[in-house]
């Protein structure tokens, strides 16, 4: 049992971790099956295979066709979904508590017995190739992909989750099954659930479905990427705006300074009252969309800023972002800014705890990245403990012109970005 949230955890003999959190005040249950792999653990020649397998499991299992999967979930009013990230794949379902057993039967069937039919593989390759083309036409997606690939240059963390046209074309049934057998094993999985359920209830369902599955061999070790402060410009003449992404190395998911980084990000560009929004949009009118975000991973992290502007305003915008970096280093933050950021983070956290899906996701993240569960009181205390001076010190650690990576995408008309414009 885990503190006031009544979290319970069990490890099956084959290494499968099961974590539950009861929420007796609701009528729904959210369940997720999390696989500890993603685009960073893919062979370079098969980049995108995690995302492709995520799609393929919905195309039919040994017991169900794609239509039967959809019909069974719809017939109980459930929501079945999946996603792939850099470090994990998640298959999840949300249903009324009375339909937990039926929903879990479908969810576990997807993960345990995908058919990987040759005709479906060929059809889905066409679908994913069209998805890649669609995203290549989306500047908001493309700028971040180009930036990420160059920031983590030469490392799997920089590879696109969707893969490329070349890698997707290489997929066949044997390739899919080889990757599937390597990673879709109980000791590489975590099953989490939150809602109106009993721990023993889910454990019984999990044991029946997964209890006889054999664990995979251990031995995979992630290599920590080295960030690259590259300046990249990509011409795309048909775009009306210049899309800009700037970023610096940050800290891993489990780092002791993670709450400070979250607060720094909130103050810099995390909302409508943030410095970037107020200065670049409201005061100077340089951009409609401008924000910052933090992407922490198992062993590293990234803090980045995005904005879209006109070619004429690009230089001024870049210099304005660098100036905000410099102000955070030299002048720090006010107590009012820090208080507002803390209330924002605490409010977001507490509101998310009203959702069964958010709690289920939170359980998985804490299990996978921390191996323990933090109470709400612990998290709030850690947020409150961060001082204005610590935020300033973080800014001094993170923001250095020689560490800033930059990507510009659009009708650049010969525009060039230099390291001098990034001085902070």
Protein backbone atom coordinates (compact mmCIF):
# COMPACT_ATOMS: atom_id res chain seq x y z
CA UNK A 1 0.00 0.00 0.00
CA UNK A 2 1.30 3.45 -0.91
CA UNK A 3 0.45 6.49 1.31
CA UNK A 4 -2.87 8.33 1.20
CA UNK A 5 -3.60 7.50 -2.43
CA UNK A 6 -3.94 3.79 -1.60
CA UNK A 7 -1.73 2.77 -4.52
CA UNK A 8 -0.99 -0.96 -4.72
CA UNK A 9 1.77 -2.64 -6.70
CA UNK A 10 2.43 -6.25 -7.57
CA UNK A 11 5.13 -7.93 -9.66
CA UNK A 12 4.23 -11.21 -11.34
CA UNK A 13 6.85 -14.00 -11.40
CA UNK A 14 7.56 -13.21 -15.07
CA UNK A 15 8.42 -9.60 -14.24
CA UNK A 16 5.17 -7.88 -15.24
CA UNK A 17 4.41 -4.93 -12.96
CA UNK A 18 0.78 -4.21 -12.03
CA UNK A 19 -0.16 -0.94 -10.30
CA UNK A 20 -3.64 0.22 -9.30
CA UNK A 21 -5.19 3.24 -7.64
CA UNK A 22 -8.81 3.02 -6.50
CA UNK A 23 -11.10 6.02 -7.01
CA UNK A 24 -14.37 4.87 -5.44
CA UNK A 25 -16.05 8.23 -6.05
CA UNK A 26 -16.16 7.66 -9.86
CA UNK A 27 -17.89 5.13 -12.11
CA UNK A 28 -15.15 4.71 -14.71
CA UNK A 29 -11.93 2.71 -14.91
CA UNK A 30 -8.91 3.53 -17.09
CA UNK A 31 -6.39 0.76 -17.83
CA UNK A 32 -3.10 1.09 -19.70
CA UNK A 33 -0.61 -1.48 -20.92
CA UNK A 34 2.75 0.26 -21.22
CA UNK A 35 5.66 -1.22 -23.20
CA UNK A 36 9.11 0.09 -22.27
CA UNK A 37 10.22 0.87 -25.79
CA UNK A 38 9.73 3.57 -28.38
CA UNK A 39 11.52 5.24 -31.25
CA UNK A 40 14.81 5.59 -29.32
CA UNK A 41 15.14 1.81 -29.02
CA UNK A 42 14.59 1.02 -32.67
CA UNK A 43 17.27 -0.13 -35.13
CA UNK A 44 18.12 2.77 -37.43
CA UNK A 45 17.06 0.83 -40.52
CA UNK A 46 13.61 0.20 -39.01
CA UNK A 47 12.94 3.62 -37.51
CA UNK A 48 9.18 4.00 -36.95
CA UNK A 49 8.51 0.33 -36.22
CA UNK A 50 7.13 1.01 -32.71
CA UNK A 51 4.51 3.39 -34.11
CA UNK A 52 3.74 0.96 -36.94
CA UNK A 53 3.17 -1.94 -34.52
CA UNK A 54 0.93 0.33 -32.43
CA UNK A 55 -1.22 0.72 -35.55
CA UNK A 56 -1.07 -2.94 -36.58
CA UNK A 57 -2.40 -4.44 -33.34
CA UNK A 58 -5.76 -2.80 -34.12
CA UNK A 59 -5.90 -4.56 -37.50
CA UNK A 60 -6.79 -7.92 -36.03
CA UNK A 61 -5.73 -10.57 -33.53
CA UNK A 62 -5.91 -14.35 -33.50
CA UNK A 63 -9.40 -14.06 -31.94
CA UNK A 64 -10.80 -10.84 -33.37
CA UNK A 65 -10.96 -8.92 -36.62
CA UNK A 66 -10.45 -5.15 -36.68
CA UNK A 67 -14.20 -4.71 -36.97
CA UNK A 68 -14.85 -6.98 -33.97
CA UNK A 69 -12.37 -5.02 -31.86
CA UNK A 70 -14.14 -1.76 -32.65
CA UNK A 71 -17.61 -3.25 -32.22
CA UNK A 72 -16.88 -4.85 -28.85
CA UNK A 73 -15.49 -1.64 -27.37
CA UNK A 74 -18.31 0.47 -28.82
CA UNK A 75 -20.93 -1.95 -27.45
CA UNK A 76 -19.83 -1.20 -23.88
CA UNK A 77 -19.43 2.54 -24.43
CA UNK A 78 -15.66 2.39 -24.05
CA UNK A 79 -12.81 4.46 -25.45
CA UNK A 80 -9.88 2.48 -26.84
CA UNK A 81 -6.69 4.32 -27.75
CA UNK A 82 -2.92 4.01 -28.17
CA UNK A 83 0.12 6.19 -28.67
CA UNK A 84 3.85 5.90 -29.25
CA UNK A 85 6.49 8.21 -27.80
CA UNK A 86 10.28 8.29 -27.79
CA UNK A 87 10.49 5.93 -24.81
CA UNK A 88 7.23 3.96 -24.60
CA UNK A 89 4.15 2.59 -26.31
CA UNK A 90 0.80 2.71 -24.51
CA UNK A 91 -2.43 0.86 -25.23
CA UNK A 92 -5.31 2.03 -23.07
CA UNK A 93 -9.03 1.77 -22.56
CA UNK A 94 -11.57 3.66 -20.45
CA UNK A 95 -14.93 2.11 -19.56
CA UNK A 96 -17.62 2.00 -16.92
CA UNK A 97 -16.47 -0.07 -13.96
CA UNK A 98 -19.01 -2.84 -14.73
CA UNK A 99 -17.31 -3.50 -18.09
CA UNK A 100 -13.72 -3.80 -16.82
CA UNK A 101 -13.38 -7.53 -17.53
CA UNK A 102 -14.72 -7.25 -21.08
CA UNK A 103 -12.56 -4.21 -21.85
CA UNK A 104 -9.41 -5.83 -20.47
CA UNK A 105 -10.06 -8.95 -22.54
CA UNK A 106 -9.97 -6.83 -25.70
CA UNK A 107 -6.99 -4.74 -24.57
CA UNK A 108 -4.87 -7.74 -23.58
CA UNK A 109 -5.79 -9.55 -26.80
CA UNK A 110 -4.44 -6.63 -28.85
CA UNK A 111 -1.11 -6.75 -27.06
CA UNK A 112 -0.72 -10.52 -26.78
CA UNK A 113 -1.97 -11.87 -30.09
CA UNK A 114 -1.68 -9.45 -33.03
CA UNK A 115 -1.99 -11.25 -36.35
CA UNK A 116 0.26 -9.00 -38.47
CA UNK A 117 -1.56 -10.05 -41.62
CA UNK A 118 0.51 -9.47 -44.77
CA UNK A 119 -2.32 -7.74 -46.64
CA UNK A 120 -3.00 -5.47 -43.65
CA UNK A 121 0.71 -4.65 -43.36
CA UNK A 122 0.82 -3.56 -47.00
CA UNK A 123 -2.32 -1.47 -46.55
CA UNK A 124 -1.10 0.13 -43.34
CA UNK A 125 2.26 1.00 -44.88
CA UNK A 126 0.36 3.10 -47.41
CA UNK A 127 -1.59 4.75 -44.59
CA UNK A 128 1.54 5.60 -42.57
CA UNK A 129 3.36 6.84 -45.67
CA UNK A 130 0.44 9.22 -46.25
CA UNK A 131 0.62 10.24 -42.58
CA UNK A 132 4.31 11.08 -43.02
CA UNK A 133 3.52 13.13 -46.15
CA UNK A 134 0.75 14.96 -44.29
CA UNK A 135 3.07 15.85 -41.41
CA UNK A 136 5.78 16.97 -43.83
CA UNK A 137 3.23 19.52 -45.07
CA UNK A 138 2.56 20.67 -41.49
CA UNK A 139 5.13 23.33 -40.51
CA UNK A 140 4.33 23.07 -36.79
CA UNK A 141 5.29 19.38 -36.90
CA UNK A 142 8.15 19.76 -39.35
CA UNK A 143 10.01 22.49 -37.45
CA UNK A 144 10.09 20.37 -34.30
CA UNK A 145 11.21 17.26 -36.20
CA UNK A 146 14.05 19.09 -37.93
CA UNK A 147 15.07 20.69 -34.65
CA UNK A 148 14.97 17.39 -32.70
CA UNK A 149 16.91 15.47 -35.34
CA UNK A 150 19.68 18.06 -35.24
CA UNK A 151 19.67 18.60 -31.47
CA UNK A 152 20.12 14.85 -30.87
CA UNK A 153 22.11 14.44 -34.08
CA UNK A 154 23.26 10.88 -34.76
CA UNK A 155 21.29 9.42 -31.83
CA UNK A 156 18.04 7.40 -31.90
CA UNK A 157 16.37 10.00 -29.65
CA UNK A 158 16.49 12.36 -32.63
CA UNK A 159 14.73 9.98 -34.99
CA UNK A 160 11.07 10.66 -35.90
CA UNK A 161 8.46 8.54 -34.13
CA UNK A 162 6.67 7.99 -37.46
CA UNK A 163 9.85 6.82 -39.17
CA UNK A 164 10.74 7.87 -42.71
CA UNK A 165 9.43 6.82 -46.10
CA UNK A 166 12.53 4.67 -46.59
CA UNK A 167 12.34 2.85 -43.25
CA UNK A 168 8.58 2.26 -43.36
CA UNK A 169 8.88 0.66 -46.80
CA UNK A 170 11.26 -1.93 -45.28
CA UNK A 171 8.70 -3.30 -42.83
CA UNK A 172 7.41 -6.84 -43.38
CA UNK A 173 5.85 -9.51 -41.19
CA UNK A 174 9.17 -11.04 -40.13
CA UNK A 175 10.64 -7.65 -39.17
CA UNK A 176 7.53 -6.73 -37.15
CA UNK A 177 7.45 -10.03 -35.29
CA UNK A 178 11.15 -9.84 -34.49
CA UNK A 179 10.77 -6.42 -32.83
CA UNK A 180 7.48 -7.43 -31.22
CA UNK A 181 8.96 -10.57 -29.59
CA UNK A 182 11.96 -8.58 -28.33
CA UNK A 183 9.95 -5.90 -26.53
CA UNK A 184 6.38 -7.09 -25.99
CA UNK A 185 7.38 -9.34 -23.09
CA UNK A 186 6.04 -9.16 -19.52
CA UNK A 187 9.30 -7.93 -17.97
CA UNK A 188 9.24 -4.99 -20.42
CA UNK A 189 5.67 -4.05 -19.53
CA UNK A 190 3.77 -2.15 -16.87
CA UNK A 191 -0.01 -2.35 -16.46
CA UNK A 192 -1.64 0.50 -14.57
CA UNK A 193 -5.26 1.20 -13.71
CA UNK A 194 -7.17 3.90 -11.87
CA UNK A 195 -10.84 4.23 -11.11
CA UNK A 196 -13.59 2.30 -9.41
CA UNK A 197 -11.84 -1.07 -9.11
CA UNK A 198 -10.17 -3.35 -6.60
CA UNK A 199 -6.50 -4.25 -6.93
CA UNK A 200 -7.29 -7.97 -6.62
CA UNK A 201 -9.85 -7.64 -9.39
CA UNK A 202 -7.33 -6.35 -11.94
CA UNK A 203 -4.59 -8.66 -10.71
CA UNK A 204 -6.81 -11.66 -11.39
CA UNK A 205 -7.49 -10.47 -14.95
CA UNK A 206 -3.80 -9.72 -15.60
CA UNK A 207 -2.63 -13.05 -14.20
CA UNK A 208 -5.12 -14.97 -16.35
CA UNK A 209 -4.04 -13.16 -19.51
CA UNK A 210 -0.29 -12.64 -18.96
CA UNK A 211 0.69 -15.08 -16.22
CA UNK A 212 2.05 -17.76 -18.57
CA UNK A 213 3.99 -15.36 -20.81
CA UNK A 214 7.74 -15.89 -20.72
CA UNK A 215 10.03 -12.94 -19.99
CA UNK A 216 12.47 -11.68 -22.61
CA UNK A 217 16.21 -11.66 -22.17
CA UNK A 218 17.65 -8.54 -20.56
CA UNK A 219 20.69 -6.79 -21.90
CA UNK A 220 19.58 -3.63 -23.73
CA UNK A 221 21.27 -0.47 -22.48
CA UNK A 222 20.31 2.98 -23.72
CA UNK A 223 23.18 5.22 -24.76
CA UNK A 224 22.93 8.77 -23.43
CA UNK A 225 22.78 11.27 -26.30
CA UNK A 226 25.05 14.27 -26.64
CA UNK A 227 23.22 17.51 -27.50
CA UNK A 228 24.38 19.53 -30.50
CA UNK A 229 24.05 23.32 -30.64
CA UNK A 230 23.54 23.42 -34.40
CA UNK A 231 22.03 26.31 -36.33
CA UNK A 232 19.87 24.94 -39.14
CA UNK A 233 17.90 26.84 -41.77
CA UNK A 234 15.47 25.04 -44.07
CA UNK A 235 13.87 26.90 -46.96
CA UNK A 236 10.20 26.18 -47.69
CA UNK A 237 9.04 28.94 -49.99
CA UNK A 238 5.34 28.13 -49.88
CA UNK A 239 5.11 29.02 -46.17
CA UNK A 240 3.80 32.42 -45.15
CA UNK A 241 5.67 32.49 -41.82
CA UNK A 242 9.15 31.77 -40.58
CA UNK A 243 8.92 29.06 -37.93
CA UNK A 244 11.60 29.25 -35.25
CA UNK A 245 12.69 26.73 -32.64
CA UNK A 246 15.45 27.43 -30.10
CA UNK A 247 16.55 25.00 -27.41
CA UNK A 248 19.09 24.12 -24.75
CA UNK A 249 19.97 20.91 -22.89
CA UNK A 250 17.99 20.34 -19.71
CA UNK A 251 17.69 17.63 -17.04
CA UNK A 252 16.34 14.05 -17.08
CA UNK A 253 12.88 13.08 -15.86
CA UNK A 254 14.10 11.97 -12.44
CA UNK A 255 16.54 14.81 -11.72
CA UNK A 256 16.26 16.58 -8.37
CA UNK A 257 15.95 19.93 -10.18
CA UNK A 258 12.92 18.84 -12.23
CA UNK A 259 10.49 21.02 -10.28
CA UNK A 260 12.71 24.04 -10.69
CA UNK A 261 12.89 23.43 -14.45
CA UNK A 262 9.11 23.10 -14.62
CA UNK A 263 8.70 26.43 -12.83
CA UNK A 264 11.34 28.11 -14.99
CA UNK A 265 9.56 26.89 -18.10
CA UNK A 266 6.19 28.12 -16.82
CA UNK A 267 7.61 31.57 -16.14
CA UNK A 268 9.45 31.71 -19.47
CA UNK A 269 6.74 30.53 -21.86
CA UNK A 270 4.28 28.18 -20.20
CA UNK A 271 1.10 30.24 -20.40
CA UNK A 272 -0.59 33.50 -21.31
CA UNK A 273 1.02 35.35 -18.40
CA UNK A 274 4.50 34.05 -19.26
CA UNK A 275 7.33 36.38 -20.23
CA UNK A 276 7.50 35.23 -23.83
CA UNK A 277 3.76 35.58 -24.39
CA UNK A 278 3.54 38.98 -22.74
CA UNK A 279 6.65 40.42 -24.36
CA UNK A 280 6.74 38.88 -27.83
CA UNK A 281 3.01 38.70 -28.53
CA UNK A 282 1.28 41.25 -26.35
CA UNK A 283 3.87 44.08 -26.22
CA UNK A 284 5.75 43.70 -29.50
CA UNK A 285 3.15 41.90 -31.63
CA UNK A 286 5.84 39.74 -33.23
CA UNK A 287 3.99 36.40 -33.13
CA UNK A 288 0.60 34.82 -32.62
CA UNK A 289 1.97 31.51 -31.31
CA UNK A 290 4.91 31.59 -28.91
CA UNK A 291 5.64 29.18 -26.07
CA UNK A 292 8.30 27.14 -24.32
CA UNK A 293 8.21 23.50 -23.29
CA UNK A 294 10.30 20.94 -21.42
CA UNK A 295 10.89 17.44 -22.78
CA UNK A 296 12.59 15.29 -20.15
CA UNK A 297 13.70 11.73 -20.93
CA UNK A 298 15.18 8.85 -18.99
CA UNK A 299 18.73 10.19 -19.09
CA UNK A 300 18.60 13.68 -20.55
CA UNK A 301 16.28 16.58 -21.33
CA UNK A 302 15.51 19.54 -23.56
CA UNK A 303 14.00 22.99 -22.95
CA UNK A 304 12.84 24.65 -26.15
CA UNK A 305 11.03 27.75 -27.41
CA UNK A 306 8.81 27.90 -30.50
CA UNK A 307 7.43 30.91 -32.35
CA UNK A 308 6.07 31.68 -35.79
CA UNK A 309 6.63 35.16 -37.27
CA UNK A 310 7.16 37.11 -40.48
CA UNK A 311 10.52 37.14 -42.24
CA UNK A 312 10.86 40.83 -41.42
CA UNK A 313 10.43 40.15 -37.69
CA UNK A 314 12.56 37.00 -37.44
CA UNK A 315 15.75 38.71 -36.31
CA UNK A 316 13.95 40.82 -33.72
CA UNK A 317 12.08 37.80 -32.37
CA UNK A 318 15.23 35.68 -31.98
CA UNK A 319 16.99 38.52 -30.19
CA UNK A 320 13.95 39.04 -27.94
CA UNK A 321 13.97 35.37 -26.87
CA UNK A 322 17.71 35.58 -26.16
CA UNK A 323 17.05 38.73 -24.16
CA UNK A 324 14.51 36.86 -22.00
CA UNK A 325 17.15 34.19 -21.37
CA UNK A 326 19.58 36.93 -20.34
CA UNK A 327 17.06 38.65 -18.07
CA UNK A 328 16.35 35.38 -16.25
CA UNK A 329 20.08 34.93 -15.68
CA UNK A 330 20.87 38.50 -14.65
CA UNK A 331 17.72 39.71 -12.91
CA UNK A 332 16.05 36.47 -11.89
CA UNK A 333 12.30 36.25 -11.24
CA UNK A 334 10.02 38.17 -8.94
CA UNK A 335 8.29 36.57 -5.99
CA UNK A 336 4.97 37.34 -7.68
CA UNK A 337 6.02 35.49 -10.87
CA UNK A 338 7.23 32.52 -8.85
CA UNK A 339 4.02 32.39 -6.80
CA UNK A 340 1.91 32.52 -9.96
CA UNK A 341 3.96 29.72 -11.56
CA UNK A 342 3.66 27.55 -8.44
CA UNK A 343 -0.12 28.01 -8.32
CA UNK A 344 -0.32 27.20 -12.03
CA UNK A 345 1.60 23.93 -11.60
CA UNK A 346 -0.29 22.91 -8.48
CA UNK A 347 -3.63 23.71 -10.10
CA UNK A 348 -2.79 21.70 -13.21
CA UNK A 349 -1.67 18.78 -11.07
CA UNK A 350 -4.72 18.74 -8.81
CA UNK A 351 -7.19 19.15 -11.67
CA UNK A 352 -5.57 16.22 -13.48
CA UNK A 353 -6.14 14.00 -10.45
CA UNK A 354 -9.88 14.19 -11.14
CA UNK A 355 -9.36 12.12 -14.31
CA UNK A 356 -8.99 8.33 -14.20
CA UNK A 357 -6.94 8.39 -17.41
CA UNK A 358 -4.58 11.03 -16.03
CA UNK A 359 -4.09 9.08 -12.80
CA UNK A 360 -3.49 5.86 -14.72
CA UNK A 361 -0.87 7.67 -16.82
CA UNK A 362 0.70 9.20 -13.71
CA UNK A 363 1.07 5.75 -12.14
CA UNK A 364 2.89 4.47 -15.22
CA UNK A 365 5.22 7.45 -15.45
CA UNK A 366 6.20 7.18 -11.78
CA UNK A 367 6.73 3.42 -12.01
CA UNK A 368 8.77 3.60 -15.23
CA UNK A 369 10.90 6.64 -14.42
CA UNK A 370 11.12 6.60 -10.63
CA UNK A 371 10.27 3.12 -9.41
CA UNK A 372 8.25 4.71 -6.60
CA UNK A 373 5.10 6.77 -6.10
CA UNK A 374 4.97 10.33 -4.84
CA UNK A 375 2.05 11.56 -2.79
CA UNK A 376 0.33 14.80 -3.71
CA UNK A 377 1.72 16.34 -0.51
CA UNK A 378 5.28 15.38 -1.51
CA UNK A 379 4.94 16.94 -4.95
CA UNK A 380 3.36 20.14 -3.66
CA UNK A 381 6.05 20.44 -0.97
CA UNK A 382 8.76 20.02 -3.62
CA UNK A 383 7.18 22.73 -5.80
CA UNK A 384 6.82 25.09 -2.84
CA UNK A 385 10.43 24.51 -1.79
CA UNK A 386 11.86 26.03 -5.00
CA UNK A 387 13.17 29.56 -4.42
CA UNK A 388 13.58 32.52 -6.74
CA UNK A 389 17.35 32.26 -6.36
CA UNK A 390 17.24 28.61 -7.45
CA UNK A 391 15.33 29.62 -10.59
CA UNK A 392 18.00 32.20 -11.35
CA UNK A 393 20.76 29.64 -10.83
CA UNK A 394 18.97 27.24 -13.17
CA UNK A 395 18.78 29.95 -15.83
CA UNK A 396 22.51 30.53 -15.41
CA UNK A 397 23.16 26.80 -15.83
CA UNK A 398 20.96 26.33 -18.88
CA UNK A 399 21.11 29.51 -20.96
CA UNK A 400 24.44 29.99 -22.74
CA UNK A 401 24.63 31.23 -26.31
CA UNK A 402 27.11 28.52 -27.30
CA UNK A 403 24.65 25.85 -26.08
CA UNK A 404 21.60 27.16 -27.93
CA UNK A 405 20.47 25.09 -30.90
CA UNK A 406 18.30 26.85 -33.48
CA UNK A 407 16.17 25.78 -36.44
CA UNK A 408 14.41 28.13 -38.87
CA UNK A 409 11.87 26.92 -41.43
CA UNK A 410 10.05 28.97 -44.05
CA UNK A 411 10.47 31.37 -46.96
CA UNK A 412 13.80 32.65 -45.64
CA UNK A 413 14.83 34.62 -48.73
CA UNK A 414 18.50 34.36 -47.83
CA UNK A 415 18.02 35.10 -44.11
CA UNK A 416 20.83 33.70 -41.97
CA UNK A 417 21.03 33.23 -38.24
CA UNK A 418 24.36 33.68 -36.46
CA UNK A 419 25.57 32.87 -32.96
CA UNK A 420 25.77 36.61 -32.24
CA UNK A 421 21.98 36.92 -32.49
CA UNK A 422 21.66 34.27 -29.77
CA UNK A 423 23.89 36.10 -27.29
CA UNK A 424 22.50 35.85 -23.78
